[in-house]
């Protein structure tokens, strides 16, 4: 688990989030409202949902973030975190301790535990439309 999580308000603009990512050298930010994580935005979200669609950098970040946030507990087993990722088709889980943000578990974190190949394949398949996985040829 990564304990140093970068957070921002859901009302922050896309530009503010991008600047924050650049300054902190991170690829994701947890959007927090009243101390509760409400959404998760990544550099990929910015590229695909904002830049590729020609959207304004002044739009609210929460309009381009993943929500609801998938959460886990600090004492969950590595396999449990992997199962959550596969079940929900996500690459990151927000870790809460007593309702407070404690960290983030990412697919990269699990890679160091040797679970990455299976998880990556399953998470990628869960996140993509079926037309990427239809039988080829005739």
C-alpha atoms as a PDB file:
ATOM      1  CA  UNK A   1       0.000   0.000   0.000  1.00  0.00           C
ATOM      2  CA  UNK A   2       1.137   3.513  -0.785  1.00  0.00           C
ATOM      3  CA  UNK A   3       0.437   5.696   2.236  1.00  0.00           C
ATOM      4  CA  UNK A   4       1.273   9.095   0.764  1.00  0.00           C
ATOM      5  CA  UNK A   5      -1.887   9.769  -1.235  1.00  0.00           C
ATOM      6  CA  UNK A   6      -2.386  13.010  -3.112  1.00  0.00           C
ATOM      7  CA  UNK A   7      -5.888  14.411  -2.650  1.00  0.00           C
ATOM      8  CA  UNK A   8      -7.937  17.286  -4.029  1.00  0.00           C
ATOM      9  CA  UNK A   9     -11.448  18.655  -3.902  1.00  0.00           C
ATOM     10  CA  UNK A  10     -14.014  17.268  -6.373  1.00  0.00           C
ATOM     11  CA  UNK A  11     -14.595  20.890  -7.416  1.00  0.00           C
ATOM     12  CA  UNK A  12     -10.969  21.279  -8.560  1.00  0.00           C
ATOM     13  CA  UNK A  13     -10.579  21.862 -12.277  1.00  0.00           C
ATOM     14  CA  UNK A  14      -8.999  19.361 -14.611  1.00  0.00           C
ATOM     15  CA  UNK A  15      -6.122  21.819 -15.074  1.00  0.00           C
ATOM     16  CA  UNK A  16      -5.550  22.027 -11.296  1.00  0.00           C
ATOM     17  CA  UNK A  17      -5.441  18.228 -11.089  1.00  0.00           C
ATOM     18  CA  UNK A  18      -2.980  18.007 -13.990  1.00  0.00           C
ATOM     19  CA  UNK A  19      -0.714  20.615 -12.378  1.00  0.00           C
ATOM     20  CA  UNK A  20      -0.924  18.760  -9.056  1.00  0.00           C
ATOM     21  CA  UNK A  21       0.033  15.490 -10.762  1.00  0.00           C
ATOM     22  CA  UNK A  22       3.001  17.163 -12.436  1.00  0.00           C
ATOM     23  CA  UNK A  23       4.201  18.885  -9.254  1.00  0.00           C
ATOM     24  CA  UNK A  24       3.870  15.759  -7.114  1.00  0.00           C
ATOM     25  CA  UNK A  25       5.042  13.371  -9.856  1.00  0.00           C
ATOM     26  CA  UNK A  26       2.005  11.100  -9.510  1.00  0.00           C
ATOM     27  CA  UNK A  27      -0.426   9.559 -11.959  1.00  0.00           C
ATOM     28  CA  UNK A  28      -3.524   9.651  -9.799  1.00  0.00           C
ATOM     29  CA  UNK A  29      -5.369  11.795  -7.282  1.00  0.00           C
ATOM     30  CA  UNK A  30      -8.127  10.856  -4.841  1.00  0.00           C
ATOM     31  CA  UNK A  31     -10.942  13.399  -4.794  1.00  0.00           C
ATOM     32  CA  UNK A  32     -12.049  13.938  -1.199  1.00  0.00           C
ATOM     33  CA  UNK A  33     -15.182  15.635   0.111  1.00  0.00           C
ATOM     34  CA  UNK A  34     -15.546  16.231   3.877  1.00  0.00           C
ATOM     35  CA  UNK A  35     -12.672  13.816   4.501  1.00  0.00           C
ATOM     36  CA  UNK A  36     -14.298  10.999   2.497  1.00  0.00           C
ATOM     37  CA  UNK A  37     -12.903   9.731  -0.823  1.00  0.00           C
ATOM     38  CA  UNK A  38     -15.620  10.239  -3.431  1.00  0.00           C
ATOM     39  CA  UNK A  39     -13.781   9.695  -6.725  1.00  0.00           C
ATOM     40  CA  UNK A  40     -10.451   8.726  -8.239  1.00  0.00           C
ATOM     41  CA  UNK A  41      -8.879  10.472 -11.236  1.00  0.00           C
ATOM     42  CA  UNK A  42      -5.837   9.319 -13.175  1.00  0.00           C
ATOM     43  CA  UNK A  43      -3.578  10.764 -15.824  1.00  0.00           C
ATOM     44  CA  UNK A  44      -5.210   8.288 -18.203  1.00  0.00           C
ATOM     45  CA  UNK A  45      -8.635   9.755 -17.371  1.00  0.00           C
ATOM     46  CA  UNK A  46      -7.280  13.185 -18.262  1.00  0.00           C
ATOM     47  CA  UNK A  47      -5.831  11.960 -21.548  1.00  0.00           C
ATOM     48  CA  UNK A  48      -8.862   9.959 -22.692  1.00  0.00           C
ATOM     49  CA  UNK A  49     -11.790  11.852 -21.212  1.00  0.00           C
ATOM     50  CA  UNK A  50     -10.523  15.414 -21.478  1.00  0.00           C
ATOM     51  CA  UNK A  51      -7.739  15.825 -24.035  1.00  0.00           C
ATOM     52  CA  UNK A  52      -8.892  13.228 -26.596  1.00  0.00           C
ATOM     53  CA  UNK A  53     -12.457  14.557 -26.476  1.00  0.00           C
ATOM     54  CA  UNK A  54     -11.341  18.192 -26.765  1.00  0.00           C
ATOM     55  CA  UNK A  55     -12.927  19.116 -23.435  1.00  0.00           C
ATOM     56  CA  UNK A  56     -12.061  22.253 -21.464  1.00  0.00           C
ATOM     57  CA  UNK A  57      -9.327  22.092 -18.831  1.00  0.00           C
ATOM     58  CA  UNK A  58     -11.571  24.305 -16.699  1.00  0.00           C
ATOM     59  CA  UNK A  59     -14.171  21.546 -16.258  1.00  0.00           C
ATOM     60  CA  UNK A  60     -14.564  19.947 -12.841  1.00  0.00           C
ATOM     61  CA  UNK A  61     -12.273  16.991 -12.252  1.00  0.00           C
ATOM     62  CA  UNK A  62     -15.116  15.005 -10.688  1.00  0.00           C
ATOM     63  CA  UNK A  63     -16.873  14.968 -14.071  1.00  0.00           C
ATOM     64  CA  UNK A  64     -14.020  12.853 -15.449  1.00  0.00           C
ATOM     65  CA  UNK A  65     -13.185  10.724 -12.406  1.00  0.00           C
ATOM     66  CA  UNK A  66     -14.100   7.158 -11.492  1.00  0.00           C
ATOM     67  CA  UNK A  67     -16.829   6.899  -8.917  1.00  0.00           C
ATOM     68  CA  UNK A  68     -17.803   5.285  -6.628  1.00  0.00           C
ATOM     69  CA  UNK A  69     -14.421   4.582  -5.121  1.00  0.00           C
ATOM     70  CA  UNK A  70     -13.650   0.921  -4.471  1.00  0.00           C
ATOM     71  CA  UNK A  71     -12.300   0.612  -0.947  1.00  0.00           C
ATOM     72  CA  UNK A  72     -10.499  -1.890   1.207  1.00  0.00           C
ATOM     73  CA  UNK A  73      -9.121  -2.145   4.728  1.00  0.00           C
ATOM     74  CA  UNK A  74      -5.448  -1.848   5.786  1.00  0.00           C
ATOM     75  CA  UNK A  75      -5.387  -5.407   7.104  1.00  0.00           C
ATOM     76  CA  UNK A  76      -6.822  -7.084   3.994  1.00  0.00           C
ATOM     77  CA  UNK A  77      -4.752  -9.813   2.405  1.00  0.00           C
ATOM     78  CA  UNK A  78      -2.970  -9.177  -0.900  1.00  0.00           C
ATOM     79  CA  UNK A  79      -5.204 -11.754  -2.587  1.00  0.00           C
ATOM     80  CA  UNK A  80      -8.300  -9.959  -1.296  1.00  0.00           C
ATOM     81  CA  UNK A  81      -7.089  -6.691  -2.827  1.00  0.00           C
ATOM     82  CA  UNK A  82      -6.512  -8.514  -6.103  1.00  0.00           C
ATOM     83  CA  UNK A  83      -9.987 -10.027  -5.999  1.00  0.00           C
ATOM     84  CA  UNK A  84     -11.530  -6.579  -5.432  1.00  0.00           C
ATOM     85  CA  UNK A  85      -9.630  -5.214  -8.436  1.00  0.00           C
ATOM     86  CA  UNK A  86     -10.744  -8.081 -10.653  1.00  0.00           C
ATOM     87  CA  UNK A  87     -14.366  -7.975  -9.469  1.00  0.00           C
ATOM     88  CA  UNK A  88     -14.686  -4.245 -10.130  1.00  0.00           C
ATOM     89  CA  UNK A  89     -12.326  -3.944 -13.123  1.00  0.00           C
ATOM     90  CA  UNK A  90     -10.107  -1.359 -11.432  1.00  0.00           C
ATOM     91  CA  UNK A  91      -6.355  -0.943 -11.039  1.00  0.00           C
ATOM     92  CA  UNK A  92      -6.456   0.985  -7.755  1.00  0.00           C
ATOM     93  CA  UNK A  93      -8.210   0.535  -4.417  1.00  0.00           C
ATOM     94  CA  UNK A  94      -8.528   3.271  -1.827  1.00  0.00           C
ATOM     95  CA  UNK A  95      -7.671   1.985   1.648  1.00  0.00           C
ATOM     96  CA  UNK A  96      -9.734   3.298   4.544  1.00  0.00           C
ATOM     97  CA  UNK A  97      -8.975   2.900   8.221  1.00  0.00           C
ATOM     98  CA  UNK A  98     -11.905   3.766  10.444  1.00  0.00           C
ATOM     99  CA  UNK A  99     -13.459   5.659   7.555  1.00  0.00           C
ATOM    100  CA  UNK A 100     -10.343   7.820   7.050  1.00  0.00           C
ATOM    101  CA  UNK A 101      -8.086   7.673   3.992  1.00  0.00           C
ATOM    102  CA  UNK A 102      -5.068   5.521   4.830  1.00  0.00           C
ATOM    103  CA  UNK A 103      -3.551   4.807   1.428  1.00  0.00           C
ATOM    104  CA  UNK A 104      -3.959   3.312  -2.020  1.00  0.00           C
ATOM    105  CA  UNK A 105      -3.211  -0.171  -3.308  1.00  0.00           C
ATOM    106  CA  UNK A 106      -2.379  -0.287  -7.002  1.00  0.00           C
ATOM    107  CA  UNK A 107      -1.825  -3.012  -9.522  1.00  0.00           C
ATOM    108  CA  UNK A 108       1.864  -2.050  -9.381  1.00  0.00           C
ATOM    109  CA  UNK A 109       1.863  -2.717  -5.633  1.00  0.00           C
ATOM    110  CA  UNK A 110       0.537  -6.201  -6.303  1.00  0.00           C
ATOM    111  CA  UNK A 111       3.109  -6.720  -9.058  1.00  0.00           C
ATOM    112  CA  UNK A 112       5.793  -6.778  -6.417  1.00  0.00           C
ATOM    113  CA  UNK A 113       3.931  -9.720  -4.885  1.00  0.00           C
ATOM    114  CA  UNK A 114       3.958 -11.711  -8.136  1.00  0.00           C
ATOM    115  CA  UNK A 115       0.227 -11.351  -8.843  1.00  0.00           C
ATOM    116  CA  UNK A 116       0.461  -8.865 -11.691  1.00  0.00           C
ATOM    117  CA  UNK A 117       0.209 -11.058 -14.824  1.00  0.00           C
ATOM    118  CA  UNK A 118      -3.102 -12.707 -13.886  1.00  0.00           C
ATOM    119  CA  UNK A 119      -4.569  -9.549 -12.369  1.00  0.00           C
ATOM    120  CA  UNK A 120      -3.532  -7.334 -15.251  1.00  0.00           C
ATOM    121  CA  UNK A 121      -5.165  -9.617 -17.794  1.00  0.00           C
ATOM    122  CA  UNK A 122      -8.398  -9.912 -15.806  1.00  0.00           C
ATOM    123  CA  UNK A 123      -8.611  -6.216 -14.906  1.00  0.00           C
ATOM    124  CA  UNK A 124      -7.899  -5.146 -18.480  1.00  0.00           C
ATOM    125  CA  UNK A 125     -10.555  -7.491 -19.825  1.00  0.00           C
ATOM    126  CA  UNK A 126     -13.096  -6.283 -17.239  1.00  0.00           C
ATOM    127  CA  UNK A 127     -12.428  -2.652 -18.145  1.00  0.00           C
ATOM    128  CA  UNK A 128     -12.673  -3.012 -21.948  1.00  0.00           C
ATOM    129  CA  UNK A 129     -15.708  -3.608 -24.155  1.00  0.00           C
ATOM    130  CA  UNK A 130     -16.345  -7.145 -25.377  1.00  0.00           C
ATOM    131  CA  UNK A 131     -15.492  -6.294 -28.978  1.00  0.00           C
ATOM    132  CA  UNK A 132     -11.792  -6.358 -28.058  1.00  0.00           C
ATOM    133  CA  UNK A 133     -12.113  -9.997 -27.049  1.00  0.00           C
ATOM    134  CA  UNK A 134     -14.223 -11.653 -29.745  1.00  0.00           C
ATOM    135  CA  UNK A 135     -12.846 -14.675 -31.642  1.00  0.00           C
ATOM    136  CA  UNK A 136     -10.735 -13.733 -34.670  1.00  0.00           C
ATOM    137  CA  UNK A 137     -10.746 -15.310 -38.103  1.00  0.00           C
ATOM    138  CA  UNK A 138     -13.309 -17.526 -39.700  1.00  0.00           C
END
